[in-house]
């Protein structure tokens, strides 16, 4: 029996799973995906930290992507699973604010980090002689720090506004986490100004970066075509296609969700798209990078061999 007990400031999350056998099956699948995401992202972070062959700017940025994905999925799934298992769909006002803040911070940081990763590949392929200067440790740290700071500032602005507007209608959010656009439907004031800021933020954090990344990869592909080494072309193409796959999986559903006007949005479609960039993408990213990257696979083999040698 589901428990909807709440205080006057609590919100109710309707969740993702229907109370049926299909819902139970989907819940088990999501939990398995969550566990796989935890394992794969933790493994990627540890692998890059322990293997000296991966101590390069590219893999340092990749370790940050895994760290963000690890926290990203952990912000959403545990609470969703708790609500489903115990039938308590309520979330406190402070808990909802915290979840929204971390979701937006991590989402913004990842969007900006993917630009840094694209720039790294662009410099490595188009300006290989300048790579050590343009992608020094200092530059990497500035990129990563900037991604986190910009993501946090954007998140603070949106969260502060969303949790200071009056909610005089039902506090039932038709979503599986505290997504700000879903919460705005409960407001008892006109929110068109804020919806415009959401549109601008989406342009700045998703559309503009995606255009920049696409443009850089057009130049990268042209540079790859001019390479004389067949092995070099294969390695460059493999690395860039991997990153472009990750970028597409992340930006497209995210941007499609937030750019649509409220009149064209439906809760069911929003939840389905949210599953893609909050749950599936954090699980797929490390798998895509490991399976399509010979250096990562080589590091994994070396780590397994070292572990077997220690046991012997």
Protein backbone atom coordinates (compact mmCIF):
# COMPACT_ATOMS: atom_id res chain seq x y z
CA UNK A 1 0.00 0.00 0.00
CA UNK A 2 1.44 3.34 -1.00
CA UNK A 3 1.99 5.98 1.64
CA UNK A 4 1.38 9.57 0.61
CA UNK A 5 1.77 11.07 4.07
CA UNK A 6 3.38 14.48 3.80
CA UNK A 7 3.80 17.79 5.58
CA UNK A 8 2.55 21.04 4.09
CA UNK A 9 5.95 21.72 2.51
CA UNK A 10 6.63 18.24 1.10
CA UNK A 11 6.36 17.39 -2.58
CA UNK A 12 5.03 14.15 -4.02
CA UNK A 13 6.98 12.43 -6.81
CA UNK A 14 4.69 10.22 -8.88
CA UNK A 15 7.71 8.24 -10.02
CA UNK A 16 8.59 6.29 -13.13
CA UNK A 17 7.19 2.81 -12.49
CA UNK A 18 3.53 1.79 -12.53
CA UNK A 19 2.45 -0.41 -9.56
CA UNK A 20 2.32 -3.54 -11.75
CA UNK A 21 4.56 -6.46 -12.68
CA UNK A 22 5.85 -4.44 -15.60
CA UNK A 23 6.71 -1.66 -13.18
CA UNK A 24 8.59 -4.15 -10.98
CA UNK A 25 10.49 -5.46 -14.01
CA UNK A 26 11.45 -1.92 -15.07
CA UNK A 27 12.52 -1.17 -11.51
CA UNK A 28 14.86 -4.19 -11.48
CA UNK A 29 16.32 -3.16 -14.86
CA UNK A 30 16.97 0.41 -13.62
CA UNK A 31 18.62 -0.87 -10.44
CA UNK A 32 20.89 -3.15 -12.50
CA UNK A 33 21.76 -0.23 -14.79
CA UNK A 34 22.52 1.87 -11.70
CA UNK A 35 24.82 -0.79 -10.24
CA UNK A 36 26.55 -1.20 -13.60
CA UNK A 37 27.03 2.58 -13.83
CA UNK A 38 28.54 2.69 -10.33
CA UNK A 39 30.92 -0.18 -11.09
CA UNK A 40 31.99 1.01 -14.55
CA UNK A 41 32.54 4.65 -13.56
CA UNK A 42 34.41 3.73 -10.38
CA UNK A 43 36.52 1.30 -12.39
CA UNK A 44 37.32 3.97 -14.98
CA UNK A 45 38.36 6.46 -12.29
CA UNK A 46 40.58 3.93 -10.51
CA UNK A 47 42.06 2.65 -13.77
CA UNK A 48 43.07 6.13 -14.90
CA UNK A 49 44.45 6.93 -11.43
CA UNK A 50 46.51 3.74 -11.13
CA UNK A 51 47.84 3.29 -14.68
CA UNK A 52 50.61 5.75 -15.52
CA UNK A 53 50.05 5.19 -19.26
CA UNK A 54 46.72 7.02 -18.85
CA UNK A 55 48.13 10.06 -17.07
CA UNK A 56 47.40 12.38 -19.98
CA UNK A 57 45.00 15.35 -20.38
CA UNK A 58 42.53 13.26 -22.38
CA UNK A 59 42.16 10.62 -19.67
CA UNK A 60 42.26 13.16 -16.87
CA UNK A 61 39.19 14.78 -18.45
CA UNK A 62 37.65 11.35 -18.91
CA UNK A 63 38.11 10.59 -15.20
CA UNK A 64 36.25 13.80 -14.42
CA UNK A 65 33.43 12.74 -16.75
CA UNK A 66 33.18 9.44 -14.85
CA UNK A 67 33.17 11.31 -11.54
CA UNK A 68 30.33 13.55 -12.72
CA UNK A 69 28.35 10.59 -14.09
CA UNK A 70 28.86 8.68 -10.85
CA UNK A 71 27.37 11.54 -8.82
CA UNK A 72 24.78 12.33 -11.49
CA UNK A 73 23.07 8.96 -11.41
CA UNK A 74 23.46 8.74 -7.61
CA UNK A 75 21.48 11.97 -7.26
CA UNK A 76 18.44 10.45 -8.98
CA UNK A 77 18.19 6.66 -8.69
CA UNK A 78 18.57 5.96 -4.92
CA UNK A 79 15.65 8.23 -3.97
CA UNK A 80 13.55 6.88 -6.84
CA UNK A 81 14.28 3.30 -5.75
CA UNK A 82 13.52 4.10 -2.10
CA UNK A 83 10.16 5.62 -3.04
CA UNK A 84 9.21 2.57 -5.11
CA UNK A 85 10.29 -0.04 -2.56
CA UNK A 86 8.73 1.62 0.50
CA UNK A 87 5.76 3.20 -1.26
CA UNK A 88 6.54 6.61 0.22
CA UNK A 89 6.50 9.06 -2.67
CA UNK A 90 7.06 12.21 -0.64
CA UNK A 91 10.24 14.27 -0.66
CA UNK A 92 10.90 17.16 1.70
CA UNK A 93 11.16 20.73 0.47
CA UNK A 94 14.88 20.82 1.39
CA UNK A 95 15.48 17.38 -0.13
CA UNK A 96 13.80 18.43 -3.37
CA UNK A 97 15.89 21.61 -3.47
CA UNK A 98 19.12 19.68 -2.86
CA UNK A 99 18.29 17.12 -5.55
CA UNK A 100 17.44 19.85 -8.05
CA UNK A 101 20.64 21.77 -7.22
CA UNK A 102 22.96 18.78 -7.66
CA UNK A 103 21.16 17.62 -10.80
CA UNK A 104 21.56 21.03 -12.47
CA UNK A 105 25.14 21.49 -11.24
CA UNK A 106 26.28 18.10 -12.52
CA UNK A 107 24.32 18.45 -15.75
CA UNK A 108 25.85 21.85 -16.50
CA UNK A 109 29.35 20.72 -15.52
CA UNK A 110 29.14 17.69 -17.81
CA UNK A 111 27.88 19.79 -20.73
CA UNK A 112 30.88 22.12 -20.39
CA UNK A 113 33.33 19.30 -19.72
CA UNK A 114 32.38 17.67 -23.01
CA UNK A 115 33.50 20.88 -24.78
CA UNK A 116 36.89 20.58 -23.06
CA UNK A 117 37.17 16.97 -24.22
CA UNK A 118 36.33 17.99 -27.79
CA UNK A 119 38.92 20.78 -27.63
CA UNK A 120 41.51 18.27 -26.39
CA UNK A 121 40.93 16.03 -29.42
CA UNK A 122 40.87 19.03 -31.75
CA UNK A 123 44.28 20.24 -30.55
CA UNK A 124 45.76 16.72 -30.48
CA UNK A 125 44.85 16.03 -34.11
CA UNK A 126 44.97 19.47 -35.75
CA UNK A 127 47.88 20.98 -33.76
CA UNK A 128 49.90 18.02 -32.42
CA UNK A 129 53.12 20.03 -32.03
CA UNK A 130 51.34 22.57 -29.81
CA UNK A 131 49.47 19.97 -27.73
CA UNK A 132 51.73 20.05 -24.66
CA UNK A 133 51.35 23.83 -24.45
CA UNK A 134 47.65 24.18 -25.24
CA UNK A 135 46.66 21.23 -23.05
CA UNK A 136 49.01 21.62 -20.10
CA UNK A 137 48.04 20.57 -16.57
CA UNK A 138 47.21 24.17 -15.75
CA UNK A 139 44.87 24.45 -18.74
CA UNK A 140 43.17 21.15 -17.81
CA UNK A 141 42.62 22.30 -14.24
CA UNK A 142 41.20 25.62 -15.43
CA UNK A 143 38.81 23.79 -17.78
CA UNK A 144 37.59 21.43 -15.09
CA UNK A 145 37.31 24.12 -12.42
CA UNK A 146 35.48 26.39 -14.83
CA UNK A 147 33.00 23.62 -15.71
CA UNK A 148 32.15 23.02 -12.04
CA UNK A 149 31.91 26.74 -11.19
CA UNK A 150 29.72 27.62 -14.18
CA UNK A 151 27.50 24.61 -13.53
CA UNK A 152 27.14 25.61 -9.87
CA UNK A 153 26.32 29.25 -10.66
CA UNK A 154 23.69 28.25 -13.21
CA UNK A 155 22.23 25.73 -10.76
CA UNK A 156 22.11 28.23 -7.89
CA UNK A 157 20.19 30.72 -10.02
CA UNK A 158 17.57 28.22 -11.20
CA UNK A 159 17.16 26.46 -7.86
CA UNK A 160 16.86 29.72 -5.91
CA UNK A 161 14.12 30.97 -8.22
CA UNK A 162 12.21 27.69 -8.38
CA UNK A 163 12.09 27.32 -4.61
CA UNK A 164 11.06 30.92 -3.89
CA UNK A 165 7.96 31.02 -6.08
CA UNK A 166 4.61 30.25 -4.40
CA UNK A 167 3.09 26.81 -4.94
CA UNK A 168 -0.63 27.08 -4.31
CA UNK A 169 -1.80 24.10 -6.34
CA UNK A 170 -1.19 20.40 -5.76
CA UNK A 171 2.38 19.58 -4.72
CA UNK A 172 2.32 16.42 -6.82
CA UNK A 173 5.19 16.44 -9.33
CA UNK A 174 4.53 14.18 -12.31
CA UNK A 175 8.17 13.08 -12.54
CA UNK A 176 10.64 10.73 -10.84
CA UNK A 177 12.88 13.54 -9.54
CA UNK A 178 12.61 17.25 -8.76
CA UNK A 179 12.92 18.58 -12.28
CA UNK A 180 12.38 22.35 -12.23
CA UNK A 181 10.22 22.60 -15.41
CA UNK A 182 7.92 19.90 -14.01
CA UNK A 183 7.64 21.87 -10.76
CA UNK A 184 6.68 25.07 -12.58
CA UNK A 185 3.35 23.54 -13.58
CA UNK A 186 2.41 23.67 -9.88
CA UNK A 187 3.15 27.39 -9.45
CA UNK A 188 0.28 29.82 -8.91
CA UNK A 189 1.98 32.70 -10.70
CA UNK A 190 2.97 33.41 -14.27
CA UNK A 191 6.40 31.89 -14.86
CA UNK A 192 6.98 32.93 -18.46
CA UNK A 193 10.01 35.05 -17.50
CA UNK A 194 11.64 32.10 -15.80
CA UNK A 195 10.77 29.79 -18.68
CA UNK A 196 12.60 32.24 -20.94
CA UNK A 197 15.71 32.01 -18.70
CA UNK A 198 15.49 28.19 -18.93
CA UNK A 199 15.44 28.54 -22.71
CA UNK A 200 18.50 30.85 -22.62
CA UNK A 201 20.37 28.49 -20.26
CA UNK A 202 19.61 25.57 -22.55
CA UNK A 203 21.04 27.50 -25.50
CA UNK A 204 24.18 28.43 -23.56
CA UNK A 205 24.84 25.06 -21.89
CA UNK A 206 23.55 22.62 -24.51
CA UNK A 207 22.90 24.02 -27.99
CA UNK A 208 25.92 26.35 -28.26
CA UNK A 209 28.36 23.71 -26.92
CA UNK A 210 26.91 21.10 -29.28
CA UNK A 211 27.39 23.44 -32.25
CA UNK A 212 30.98 24.18 -31.15
CA UNK A 213 31.75 20.48 -30.72
CA UNK A 214 30.23 19.61 -34.10
CA UNK A 215 32.22 22.38 -35.79
CA UNK A 216 35.47 21.22 -34.19
CA UNK A 217 34.87 17.66 -35.32
CA UNK A 218 34.26 18.75 -38.89
CA UNK A 219 37.76 20.24 -38.84
CA UNK A 220 39.08 17.13 -37.08
CA UNK A 221 37.59 14.84 -39.75
CA UNK A 222 39.16 16.96 -42.48
CA UNK A 223 42.52 16.68 -40.71
CA UNK A 224 42.09 12.90 -40.35
CA UNK A 225 41.45 12.57 -44.08
CA UNK A 226 44.77 14.31 -44.77
CA UNK A 227 46.75 11.93 -42.53
CA UNK A 228 49.19 9.71 -44.40
CA UNK A 229 49.41 7.06 -41.69
CA UNK A 230 46.62 4.48 -41.90
CA UNK A 231 47.15 3.49 -38.27
CA UNK A 232 47.02 7.14 -37.22
CA UNK A 233 43.77 7.66 -39.11
CA UNK A 234 42.18 4.62 -37.45
CA UNK A 235 43.25 5.71 -33.95
CA UNK A 236 42.09 9.29 -34.45
CA UNK A 237 38.78 8.21 -35.99
CA UNK A 238 38.13 5.72 -33.18
CA UNK A 239 38.79 8.27 -30.45
CA UNK A 240 36.73 11.03 -32.06
CA UNK A 241 33.79 8.83 -33.03
CA UNK A 242 33.65 7.57 -29.44
CA UNK A 243 33.47 11.08 -28.05
CA UNK A 244 30.96 12.19 -30.67
CA UNK A 245 28.71 9.25 -29.73
CA UNK A 246 28.82 10.26 -26.06
CA UNK A 247 28.10 13.90 -26.96
CA UNK A 248 25.09 12.98 -29.09
CA UNK A 249 23.62 10.67 -26.44
CA UNK A 250 23.86 13.44 -23.86
CA UNK A 251 23.01 16.70 -25.64
CA UNK A 252 20.20 15.72 -28.01
CA UNK A 253 17.58 14.34 -25.57
CA UNK A 254 18.52 16.94 -22.93
CA UNK A 255 18.14 19.87 -25.34
CA UNK A 256 14.96 18.46 -26.88
CA UNK A 257 13.39 18.20 -23.43
CA UNK A 258 14.20 21.73 -22.27
CA UNK A 259 13.77 23.65 -25.52
CA UNK A 260 10.18 22.66 -26.11
CA UNK A 261 7.50 25.11 -24.92
CA UNK A 262 5.23 23.91 -22.11
CA UNK A 263 2.29 23.50 -24.52
CA UNK A 264 4.19 20.82 -26.49
CA UNK A 265 5.50 18.87 -23.49
CA UNK A 266 3.96 15.77 -21.95
CA UNK A 267 4.96 14.22 -18.59
CA UNK A 268 5.28 10.76 -20.10
CA UNK A 269 7.63 11.89 -22.86
CA UNK A 270 9.64 14.05 -20.43
CA UNK A 271 10.16 11.11 -18.09
CA UNK A 272 11.18 8.81 -20.94
CA UNK A 273 13.75 11.32 -22.23
CA UNK A 274 15.01 11.99 -18.70
CA UNK A 275 15.77 8.29 -18.25
CA UNK A 276 18.09 8.54 -21.21
CA UNK A 277 20.33 11.38 -19.96
CA UNK A 278 20.08 10.78 -16.19
CA UNK A 279 20.35 6.97 -16.06
CA UNK A 280 21.37 5.38 -19.36
CA UNK A 281 24.06 7.87 -20.43
CA UNK A 282 26.06 7.64 -17.14
CA UNK A 283 26.08 3.86 -17.60
CA UNK A 284 26.94 3.94 -21.31
CA UNK A 285 29.76 6.52 -21.21
CA UNK A 286 32.45 4.37 -19.52
CA UNK A 287 31.40 1.31 -21.53
CA UNK A 288 31.68 3.19 -24.83
CA UNK A 289 35.08 4.63 -23.91
CA UNK A 290 36.47 1.30 -22.68
CA UNK A 291 35.23 -0.91 -25.51
CA UNK A 292 36.30 1.46 -28.30
CA UNK A 293 39.62 2.55 -26.84
CA UNK A 294 42.68 0.31 -27.17
CA UNK A 295 44.63 2.23 -24.52
CA UNK A 296 41.88 1.74 -21.92
CA UNK A 297 41.55 -1.94 -22.82
CA UNK A 298 45.33 -2.30 -22.55
CA UNK A 299 45.28 -0.65 -19.12
CA UNK A 300 42.54 -3.04 -18.03
CA UNK A 301 44.60 -6.04 -19.15
CA UNK A 302 47.66 -4.74 -17.30
CA UNK A 303 45.63 -4.20 -14.13
CA UNK A 304 44.18 -7.73 -14.31
CA UNK A 305 47.64 -9.19 -14.90
CA UNK A 306 49.05 -7.27 -11.92
CA UNK A 307 46.18 -8.45 -9.72
CA UNK A 308 46.72 -12.08 -10.79
CA UNK A 309 50.48 -11.76 -10.21
CA UNK A 310 49.93 -10.39 -6.68
CA UNK A 311 47.60 -13.28 -5.83
CA UNK A 312 50.17 -15.83 -7.09
